Amino acid sequence: MAGIAESCTHVGALLFKIEAAVRIRGTKTVTDVPAYWMMPANVDKVQAEVGHKIDFTTGAAKRVALYKCISGERGMSGIRTHLGSTSHCAHEPTLSDLSPLLQILHTHSKAVCLSGMEEYYHHYIDPVKPHVLPKSLQHLRDPGKDGCDLPVLFQHCNTLTHLVAVTETQAAAIEAQTRLQHRSSVWYTSRAGRITASNMHAVMSTSVEKPATSTVSIDPLFPEVGASPDGLIHCTCCGKGCLEIKCTFKHRNNSILQACADDSTFCLQVTDGKLHLKQTHMYYSQVQTQIFVTGSQFCDFVVWTEKDCVVVRVLPDADYWTTLLKRAQEFFHKVSLPELVSCYYTQQASTKTPVSTELQPSRTKRTRTHTCENVQRLWCICKGPEDLDDMVACDNENCVVQWFHLSCVGLSQAPSETESWLCTSCTH
């Protein structure tokens, strides 16, 4: 080693340590590896045996017992097992013999063994009962009713009314578990079969006798109807309210007043210098349904564009809601229930216009931005209006749904023109 300074000594010691570590790297002690058992060399074969028949007496103990037997002392003891024990109880043990011990356990601690005994189990019941969600209305499906006439279906559906009902506890549980809306699976199952607020205007404008084929909060008083507002508001002065937000794509670059002036189909109108939600617009039916289903005193209807944002407070309209609810309940019992039970209207439509199972590429436009044209027509798996979001078309021309909201199928943007996109149903 060059030099006699301390640094050279430390460097040298470190190098010796590294050399020794590399040399013994492949060696391990017994404590460095998992425990294992080595079969004794003098044992060729070990047979499995029931535990109480195995003799655990050592060779030395057997030899001592043999010497005692030869010398005339006490005879050899039996096999060292529980069955060979010479001491016996005076009587058969019973559960009552454990009563003093069980009382002590119950008094001083919550022993888990007591939770399975009839006398003590009620002390171990979970005080917090889990919320049991009602079954989805999809469970009303009965293949045995396929092909039945409509009067027969009506008679059968009248016996299912009690299965639609929900309790206040179940309604509260649904509201708590569907706050993420389409990101929650409960949101879809709770909406299935029910007339939601976004569909209410279409129900009012369609025929019960010949319903259109494209036609969550739940109130226990009218479980046939559901609503999923964008938010709930609690105010100390105004009470409980709900929130509905609309981002109009068509007028994204306009102010609200300009949209009112240029577009007669716009949802808002100016009356006496104030903005109001049109009572003839589909959003009015949606908002009134949200107010009464959620038990709110008002709804703040928000319209946002890139240049403007307004908040219009909508108050309950009891007369309008009475008419709306009556129509919705009639539609549910005469249209929704027969469809849930036997897919009656879907089968009627398929017999008139048979659908080919062969996938055919769609030549329609890839994306569809929401406009105010045909606002009463419903699209997508959510059965919502066109203006909820931008839409994408399934490349199968025979797809039953055809157009889907991007958010409903988990897309942030539409696929490019060169990409092929099929919905889940057509993929399978």
Protein backbone atom coordinates (compact mmCIF):
# COMPACT_ATOMS: atom_id res chain seq x y z
CA MET A 1 0.00 0.00 0.00
CA ALA A 2 1.37 3.36 -0.94
CA GLY A 3 1.74 5.83 1.88
CA ILE A 4 1.03 5.46 5.58
CA ALA A 5 -1.87 7.88 5.92
CA GLU A 6 -5.10 6.68 7.57
CA SER A 7 -7.09 7.05 4.36
CA CYS A 8 -4.99 4.40 2.64
CA THR A 9 -5.57 2.01 5.54
CA HIS A 10 -9.34 2.45 5.37
CA VAL A 11 -9.38 2.01 1.59
CA GLY A 12 -7.39 -1.17 1.93
CA ALA A 13 -9.71 -2.56 4.61
CA LEU A 14 -12.70 -1.80 2.39
CA LEU A 15 -11.14 -3.65 -0.54
CA PHE A 16 -10.44 -6.68 1.66
CA LYS A 17 -14.07 -6.62 2.79
CA ILE A 18 -15.34 -6.49 -0.80
CA GLU A 19 -13.08 -9.39 -1.81
CA ALA A 20 -14.30 -11.51 1.11
CA ALA A 21 -17.97 -10.70 0.39
CA VAL A 22 -17.60 -11.74 -3.26
CA ARG A 23 -15.83 -14.96 -2.27
CA ILE A 24 -18.57 -16.13 0.13
CA ARG A 25 -21.51 -14.72 -1.79
CA GLY A 26 -22.78 -18.15 -2.85
CA THR A 27 -22.72 -19.70 0.61
CA LYS A 28 -25.74 -19.63 2.94
CA THR A 29 -26.16 -20.77 6.50
CA VAL A 30 -29.04 -23.00 7.64
CA THR A 31 -30.80 -20.02 9.21
CA ASP A 32 -30.67 -18.12 5.91
CA VAL A 33 -33.02 -20.54 4.11
CA PRO A 34 -36.61 -21.69 4.88
CA ALA A 35 -36.93 -24.57 7.33
CA TYR A 36 -37.05 -28.06 5.83
CA TRP A 37 -37.23 -31.65 7.08
CA MET A 38 -34.79 -34.38 6.13
CA MET A 39 -36.10 -37.94 5.99
CA PRO A 40 -34.06 -40.19 8.34
CA ALA A 41 -31.77 -42.50 6.41
CA ASN A 42 -33.02 -45.65 8.19
CA VAL A 43 -36.64 -45.05 7.24
CA ASP A 44 -37.57 -46.48 3.85
CA LYS A 45 -41.30 -45.89 3.86
CA VAL A 46 -43.69 -44.08 6.20
CA GLN A 47 -47.37 -44.94 6.05
CA ALA A 48 -50.08 -42.44 6.93
CA GLU A 49 -52.04 -43.27 10.07
CA VAL A 50 -54.85 -41.83 12.18
CA GLY A 51 -53.45 -39.69 14.97
CA HIS A 52 -54.93 -41.56 17.93
CA LYS A 53 -53.45 -44.88 16.68
CA ILE A 54 -49.87 -43.64 16.55
CA ASP A 55 -47.60 -44.76 19.42
CA PHE A 56 -45.46 -41.83 20.52
CA THR A 57 -43.59 -43.85 23.20
CA THR A 58 -39.83 -43.55 22.84
CA GLY A 59 -37.55 -46.56 22.58
CA ALA A 60 -35.96 -45.82 25.97
CA ALA A 61 -39.37 -45.72 27.69
CA LYS A 62 -40.36 -49.03 26.12
CA ARG A 63 -37.10 -50.62 27.34
CA VAL A 64 -37.65 -49.42 30.91
CA ALA A 65 -41.25 -50.70 30.88
CA LEU A 66 -40.02 -54.09 29.61
CA TYR A 67 -37.45 -54.40 32.44
CA LYS A 68 -40.15 -53.61 35.00
CA CYS A 69 -42.42 -56.27 33.52
CA ILE A 70 -39.64 -58.89 33.67
CA SER A 71 -38.77 -58.06 37.27
CA GLY A 72 -42.38 -58.51 38.32
CA GLU A 73 -43.13 -54.87 38.85
CA ARG A 74 -46.07 -52.95 37.27
CA GLY A 75 -47.05 -54.16 33.81
CA MET A 76 -46.30 -52.33 30.63
CA SER A 77 -48.40 -49.30 29.96
CA GLY A 78 -50.38 -49.06 26.78
CA ILE A 79 -49.84 -46.82 23.82
CA ARG A 80 -49.45 -43.20 24.81
CA THR A 81 -52.70 -41.91 23.30
CA HIS A 82 -55.85 -40.24 24.59
CA LEU A 83 -57.74 -43.52 24.16
CA GLY A 84 -55.21 -45.37 26.25
CA SER A 85 -55.59 -43.09 29.24
CA THR A 86 -56.47 -44.97 32.43
CA SER A 87 -58.37 -42.07 34.02
CA HIS A 88 -62.04 -41.71 33.12
CA CYS A 89 -64.66 -39.07 33.99
CA ALA A 90 -67.39 -40.10 36.37
CA HIS A 91 -70.04 -38.83 33.91
CA GLU A 92 -70.33 -37.65 30.33
CA PRO A 93 -69.46 -33.91 30.03
CA THR A 94 -72.27 -31.57 29.01
CA LEU A 95 -72.54 -27.92 28.01
CA SER A 96 -74.01 -27.10 31.42
CA ASP A 97 -70.63 -27.99 32.98
CA LEU A 98 -69.17 -25.01 31.12
CA SER A 99 -71.77 -22.55 32.41
CA PRO A 100 -69.54 -21.05 35.17
CA LEU A 101 -66.73 -20.56 32.64
CA LEU A 102 -69.08 -19.05 30.05
CA GLN A 103 -70.45 -16.62 32.62
CA ILE A 104 -66.94 -15.48 33.46
CA LEU A 105 -66.08 -15.04 29.78
CA HIS A 106 -69.28 -13.09 29.16
CA THR A 107 -68.71 -10.82 32.16
CA HIS A 108 -65.06 -9.98 31.63
CA SER A 109 -64.57 -10.08 27.85
CA LYS A 110 -66.34 -10.70 24.57
CA ALA A 111 -65.04 -14.15 23.76
CA VAL A 112 -65.67 -15.17 20.16
CA CYS A 113 -66.75 -18.65 21.25
CA LEU A 114 -69.90 -17.15 22.78
CA SER A 115 -71.08 -15.70 19.43
CA GLY A 116 -72.16 -19.17 18.30
CA MET A 117 -74.13 -20.05 21.43
CA GLU A 118 -77.86 -19.49 21.60
CA GLU A 119 -77.76 -17.91 25.05
CA TYR A 120 -75.17 -15.27 24.16
CA TYR A 121 -75.21 -14.73 20.35
CA HIS A 122 -77.56 -11.70 20.47
CA HIS A 123 -74.82 -9.71 22.22
CA TYR A 124 -72.65 -10.03 19.10
CA ILE A 125 -75.07 -8.73 16.44
CA ASP A 126 -73.57 -5.95 14.32
CA PRO A 127 -75.42 -2.74 15.31
CA VAL A 128 -74.85 -1.23 11.85
CA LYS A 129 -77.15 -3.02 9.41
CA PRO A 130 -76.00 -2.99 5.78
CA HIS A 131 -78.15 -1.18 3.24
CA VAL A 132 -79.86 -3.67 0.98
CA LEU A 133 -80.49 -2.21 -2.47
CA PRO A 134 -83.70 -3.18 -4.25
CA LYS A 135 -83.43 -5.57 -7.16
CA SER A 136 -83.10 -4.06 -10.59
CA LEU A 137 -86.32 -4.00 -12.59
CA GLN A 138 -84.51 -6.16 -15.13
CA HIS A 139 -85.22 -9.18 -12.90
CA LEU A 140 -88.89 -8.93 -13.98
CA ARG A 141 -87.92 -10.51 -17.31
CA ASP A 142 -89.98 -13.67 -17.88
CA PRO A 143 -89.15 -15.61 -21.10
CA GLY A 144 -92.32 -17.63 -20.56
CA LYS A 145 -94.37 -14.55 -21.48
CA ASP A 146 -92.70 -14.06 -24.86
CA GLY A 147 -95.27 -14.00 -27.64
CA CYS A 148 -98.21 -13.26 -25.32
CA ASP A 149 -100.89 -10.84 -26.40
CA LEU A 150 -100.81 -7.36 -24.88
CA PRO A 151 -103.98 -7.80 -22.74
CA VAL A 152 -102.45 -10.93 -21.19
CA LEU A 153 -99.26 -9.01 -20.45
CA PHE A 154 -101.25 -6.17 -18.85
CA GLN A 155 -102.97 -8.66 -16.56
CA HIS A 156 -99.64 -10.20 -15.58
CA CYS A 157 -97.97 -6.81 -15.05
CA ASN A 158 -100.71 -5.79 -12.61
CA THR A 159 -99.45 -8.52 -10.29
CA LEU A 160 -95.89 -7.09 -10.36
CA THR A 161 -96.65 -3.61 -9.05
CA HIS A 162 -95.46 -4.42 -5.53
CA LEU A 163 -92.06 -5.53 -6.89
CA VAL A 164 -91.41 -2.01 -8.18
CA ALA A 165 -91.83 -0.37 -4.77
CA VAL A 166 -88.82 0.79 -2.74
CA THR A 167 -88.55 1.77 0.92
CA GLU A 168 -87.21 5.07 2.18
CA THR A 169 -84.06 3.31 3.39
CA GLN A 170 -83.48 1.76 -0.03
CA ALA A 171 -84.10 5.09 -1.76
CA ALA A 172 -81.51 6.76 0.49
CA ALA A 173 -79.01 3.97 -0.19
CA ILE A 174 -79.48 4.33 -3.96
CA GLU A 175 -78.97 8.09 -3.73
CA ALA A 176 -75.75 7.61 -1.73
CA GLN A 177 -74.28 5.01 -4.09
CA THR A 178 -75.11 6.74 -7.40
CA ARG A 179 -73.51 10.12 -6.80
CA LEU A 180 -70.83 9.29 -9.38
CA GLN A 181 -73.64 8.83 -11.94
CA HIS A 182 -72.42 6.88 -15.01
CA ARG A 183 -69.19 5.89 -13.22
CA SER A 184 -71.26 3.81 -10.80
CA SER A 185 -72.73 0.44 -11.83
CA VAL A 186 -75.64 1.00 -9.42
CA TRP A 187 -76.54 4.10 -11.45
CA TYR A 188 -77.30 1.95 -14.51
CA THR A 189 -79.18 -0.80 -12.67
CA SER A 190 -81.32 1.73 -10.77
CA ARG A 191 -82.27 3.58 -13.96
CA ALA A 192 -83.08 0.44 -15.94
CA GLY A 193 -86.80 0.28 -16.63
CA ARG A 194 -87.64 3.51 -14.80
CA ILE A 195 -88.75 6.74 -16.43
CA THR A 196 -85.95 9.16 -15.65
CA ALA A 197 -86.20 12.94 -15.66
CA SER A 198 -84.31 13.26 -18.96
CA ASN A 199 -86.91 10.99 -20.64
CA MET A 200 -89.96 12.65 -19.14
CA HIS A 201 -90.57 15.03 -22.04
CA ALA A 202 -90.42 12.14 -24.54
CA VAL A 203 -92.98 10.24 -22.46
CA MET A 204 -95.30 13.23 -22.58
CA SER A 205 -95.02 13.52 -26.35
CA THR A 206 -95.24 9.84 -27.36
CA SER A 207 -98.29 7.63 -27.70
CA VAL A 208 -98.95 4.98 -25.07
CA GLU A 209 -100.67 2.77 -27.65
CA LYS A 210 -97.79 3.10 -30.16
CA PRO A 211 -94.71 4.15 -28.20
CA ALA A 212 -91.56 5.27 -29.98
CA THR A 213 -88.75 2.72 -29.96
CA SER A 214 -86.22 5.35 -28.90
CA THR A 215 -88.03 6.68 -26.31
CA VAL A 216 -80.84 8.48 -9.36
CA SER A 217 -82.93 9.52 -7.09
CA ILE A 218 -86.11 7.57 -6.40
CA ASP A 219 -89.10 8.65 -4.34
CA PRO A 220 -90.86 5.76 -2.55
CA LEU A 221 -94.22 7.42 -3.33
CA PHE A 222 -93.71 6.97 -7.07
CA PRO A 223 -90.90 4.41 -7.64
CA GLU A 224 -91.67 4.21 -11.36
CA VAL A 225 -89.92 7.58 -11.83
CA GLY A 226 -86.25 8.39 -11.21
CA ALA A 227 -84.05 11.47 -11.42
CA SER A 228 -80.31 12.09 -11.30
CA PRO A 229 -79.62 15.84 -11.05
CA ASP A 230 -76.09 17.13 -11.39
CA GLY A 231 -76.07 18.13 -7.73
CA LEU A 232 -78.06 18.73 -4.55
CA ILE A 233 -78.04 22.06 -2.73
CA HIS A 234 -78.71 22.75 0.94
CA CYS A 235 -79.30 26.35 1.92
CA THR A 236 -80.26 27.67 5.38
CA CYS A 237 -82.58 30.29 3.90
CA CYS A 238 -83.99 28.55 0.81
CA GLY A 239 -83.97 24.92 1.97
CA LYS A 240 -83.13 21.91 -0.16
CA GLY A 241 -82.62 22.33 -3.88
CA CYS A 242 -81.20 20.52 -6.88
CA LEU A 243 -78.77 21.59 -9.58
CA GLU A 244 -78.90 20.99 -13.32
CA ILE A 245 -76.09 22.22 -15.61
CA LYS A 246 -76.30 22.52 -19.39
CA CYS A 247 -73.33 23.33 -21.64
CA THR A 248 -74.85 24.11 -25.02
CA PHE A 249 -72.45 23.11 -27.76
CA LYS A 250 -74.33 24.88 -30.53
CA HIS A 251 -74.04 28.26 -28.80
CA ARG A 252 -70.66 27.70 -27.16
CA ASN A 253 -69.26 30.88 -28.75
CA ASN A 254 -72.35 33.02 -28.09
CA SER A 255 -73.69 34.85 -25.09
CA ILE A 256 -76.93 33.66 -23.52
CA LEU A 257 -78.91 36.69 -24.70
CA GLN A 258 -77.59 36.22 -28.24
CA ALA A 259 -78.66 32.56 -28.17
CA CYS A 260 -82.15 33.57 -27.02
CA ALA A 261 -82.44 36.10 -29.83
CA ASP A 262 -81.05 33.92 -32.65
CA ASP A 263 -82.46 30.49 -31.79
CA SER A 264 -86.18 29.95 -31.26
CA THR A 265 -85.51 26.41 -30.00
CA PHE A 266 -83.17 27.60 -27.23
CA CYS A 267 -84.20 26.48 -23.74
CA LEU A 268 -84.29 30.00 -22.23
CA GLN A 269 -86.37 33.04 -23.12
CA VAL A 270 -86.39 36.65 -21.99
CA THR A 271 -89.63 37.83 -20.36
CA ASP A 272 -89.91 41.31 -18.81
CA GLY A 273 -86.14 41.62 -18.92
CA LYS A 274 -85.58 38.36 -17.03
CA LEU A 275 -84.44 34.96 -18.22
CA HIS A 276 -86.85 32.05 -17.76
CA LEU A 277 -86.83 28.37 -18.67
CA LYS A 278 -89.41 27.71 -21.38
CA GLN A 279 -92.31 25.59 -20.10
CA THR A 280 -92.62 23.97 -23.53
CA HIS A 281 -88.99 22.86 -23.58
CA MET A 282 -87.94 19.33 -22.68
CA TYR A 283 -85.69 20.68 -19.95
CA TYR A 284 -88.71 22.02 -18.07
CA SER A 285 -90.13 18.51 -17.71
CA GLN A 286 -86.72 17.26 -16.62
CA VAL A 287 -86.30 19.98 -13.98
CA GLN A 288 -89.81 19.58 -12.55
CA THR A 289 -89.26 15.82 -12.25
CA GLN A 290 -85.97 16.40 -10.43
CA ILE A 291 -87.62 18.85 -8.01
CA PHE A 292 -90.46 16.54 -6.98
CA VAL A 293 -88.52 13.27 -7.01
CA THR A 294 -85.73 14.68 -4.82
CA GLY A 295 -88.17 16.59 -2.61
CA SER A 296 -86.53 19.95 -3.39
CA GLN A 297 -87.95 23.44 -3.00
CA PHE A 298 -86.25 24.74 -6.17
CA CYS A 299 -83.84 23.90 -8.95
CA ASP A 300 -80.95 26.12 -10.03
CA PHE A 301 -80.79 25.66 -13.81
CA VAL A 302 -77.32 26.65 -15.05
CA VAL A 303 -76.54 27.35 -18.71
CA TRP A 304 -72.86 27.79 -19.55
CA THR A 305 -71.07 28.88 -22.71
CA GLU A 306 -67.49 29.93 -23.27
CA LYS A 307 -68.61 33.56 -23.17
CA ASP A 308 -71.43 33.55 -20.64
CA CYS A 309 -72.99 31.73 -17.71
CA VAL A 310 -76.43 32.25 -16.12
CA VAL A 311 -78.30 30.66 -13.24
CA VAL A 312 -82.09 30.49 -13.56
CA ARG A 313 -84.03 29.45 -10.48
CA VAL A 314 -86.99 27.20 -11.32
CA LEU A 315 -89.74 26.77 -8.70
CA PRO A 316 -92.05 23.75 -8.34
CA ASP A 317 -95.09 23.64 -10.63
CA ALA A 318 -97.51 21.33 -8.80
CA ASP A 319 -100.24 21.36 -11.47
CA TYR A 320 -97.79 20.53 -14.22
CA TRP A 321 -96.21 17.77 -12.11
CA THR A 322 -99.60 16.17 -11.40
CA THR A 323 -100.24 15.85 -15.13
CA LEU A 324 -96.68 14.74 -15.80
CA LEU A 325 -96.67 12.06 -13.10
CA LYS A 326 -100.03 10.64 -14.19
CA ARG A 327 -98.76 10.34 -17.74
CA ALA A 328 -95.47 8.76 -16.61
CA GLN A 329 -97.20 6.15 -14.44
CA GLU A 330 -99.53 5.24 -17.28
CA PHE A 331 -96.57 4.90 -19.62
CA PHE A 332 -94.70 2.74 -17.11
CA HIS A 333 -97.54 0.26 -16.60
CA LYS A 334 -98.61 0.08 -20.26
CA VAL A 335 -95.23 0.29 -21.99
CA SER A 336 -92.27 -0.18 -19.66
CA LEU A 337 -93.55 -3.20 -17.73
CA PRO A 338 -94.56 -5.21 -20.85
CA GLU A 339 -91.16 -4.42 -22.31
CA LEU A 340 -89.37 -5.46 -19.12
CA VAL A 341 -91.31 -8.72 -18.83
CA SER A 342 -91.29 -9.95 -22.43
CA CYS A 343 -89.55 -7.33 -24.63
CA TYR A 344 -92.96 -6.93 -26.26
CA TYR A 345 -92.37 -3.71 -28.22
CA THR A 346 -88.80 -4.66 -29.17
CA GLN A 347 -90.01 -7.96 -30.62
CA GLN A 348 -92.84 -6.19 -32.44
CA ALA A 349 -90.35 -3.82 -34.05
CA SER A 350 -87.92 -6.62 -34.97
CA THR A 351 -90.64 -8.64 -36.74
CA LYS A 352 -91.47 -5.65 -38.91
CA THR A 353 -87.86 -4.72 -39.72
CA PRO A 354 -85.62 -7.80 -39.43
CA VAL A 355 -82.05 -6.95 -38.58
CA SER A 356 -79.19 -8.69 -40.33
CA THR A 357 -76.57 -10.26 -38.08
CA GLU A 358 -73.81 -9.58 -40.57
CA LEU A 359 -71.65 -6.62 -39.64
CA GLN A 360 -71.70 -3.95 -42.30
CA PRO A 361 -69.43 -0.93 -42.18
CA SER A 362 -71.25 2.31 -41.54
CA ARG A 363 -70.85 5.05 -44.10
CA THR A 364 -72.35 7.68 -41.84
CA LYS A 365 -70.39 10.49 -40.34
CA ARG A 366 -68.07 9.38 -37.53
CA THR A 367 -69.00 12.02 -34.93
CA ARG A 368 -72.20 13.90 -34.21
CA THR A 369 -72.01 17.14 -32.26
CA HIS A 370 -75.13 17.92 -30.31
CA THR A 371 -77.53 20.40 -31.87
CA CYS A 372 -81.08 21.47 -31.23
CA GLU A 373 -82.44 19.54 -34.21
CA ASN A 374 -84.71 16.65 -33.33
CA VAL A 375 -84.20 17.34 -29.61
CA GLN A 376 -87.10 15.05 -28.73
CA ARG A 377 -85.38 11.97 -30.15
CA LEU A 378 -83.44 9.87 -27.65
CA TRP A 379 -80.14 8.14 -28.26
CA CYS A 380 -77.44 5.99 -26.69
CA ILE A 381 -77.71 3.28 -24.01
CA CYS A 382 -78.68 5.94 -21.49
CA LYS A 383 -81.76 6.85 -23.55
CA GLY A 384 -80.81 10.49 -23.28
CA PRO A 385 -81.22 13.42 -25.67
CA GLU A 386 -78.64 14.30 -28.26
CA ASP A 387 -77.34 17.43 -26.55
CA LEU A 388 -75.96 15.66 -23.46
CA ASP A 389 -72.57 15.18 -25.12
CA ASP A 390 -70.82 14.70 -28.44
CA MET A 391 -71.67 11.35 -30.00
CA VAL A 392 -69.93 8.54 -31.88
CA ALA A 393 -71.52 6.09 -34.32
CA CYS A 394 -71.09 2.32 -34.25
CA ASP A 395 -69.53 1.09 -37.50
CA ASN A 396 -72.15 -1.67 -37.77
CA GLU A 397 -75.02 -0.32 -39.89
CA ASN A 398 -77.36 -2.84 -38.26
CA CYS A 399 -76.58 -1.69 -34.71
CA VAL A 400 -79.80 -1.22 -32.75
CA VAL A 401 -78.57 1.87 -30.88
CA GLN A 402 -76.33 3.38 -33.61
CA TRP A 403 -75.28 6.58 -31.79
CA PHE A 404 -73.59 6.75 -28.38
CA HIS A 405 -72.55 9.61 -26.10
CA LEU A 406 -68.78 9.63 -25.71
CA SER A 407 -69.01 9.71 -21.91
CA CYS A 408 -71.38 6.72 -21.83
CA VAL A 409 -68.94 4.46 -23.69
CA GLY A 410 -65.85 5.72 -21.85
CA LEU A 411 -64.34 7.76 -24.70
CA SER A 412 -62.75 11.16 -24.23
CA GLN A 413 -62.78 11.83 -27.98
CA ALA A 414 -64.13 10.17 -31.08
CA PRO A 415 -61.92 7.65 -32.97
CA SER A 416 -60.26 8.89 -36.14
CA GLU A 417 -61.87 8.39 -39.52
CA THR A 418 -59.47 5.54 -40.34
CA GLU A 419 -60.25 3.57 -37.16
CA SER A 420 -63.10 1.11 -36.89
CA TRP A 421 -65.20 1.32 -33.70
CA LEU A 422 -67.93 -1.10 -32.61
CA CYS A 423 -70.12 -0.87 -29.52
CA THR A 424 -70.03 -3.60 -26.88
CA SER A 425 -73.15 -5.36 -28.22
CA CYS A 426 -71.85 -5.57 -31.78
CA THR A 427 -68.39 -6.64 -30.60
CA HIS A 428 -69.83 -9.69 -28.84
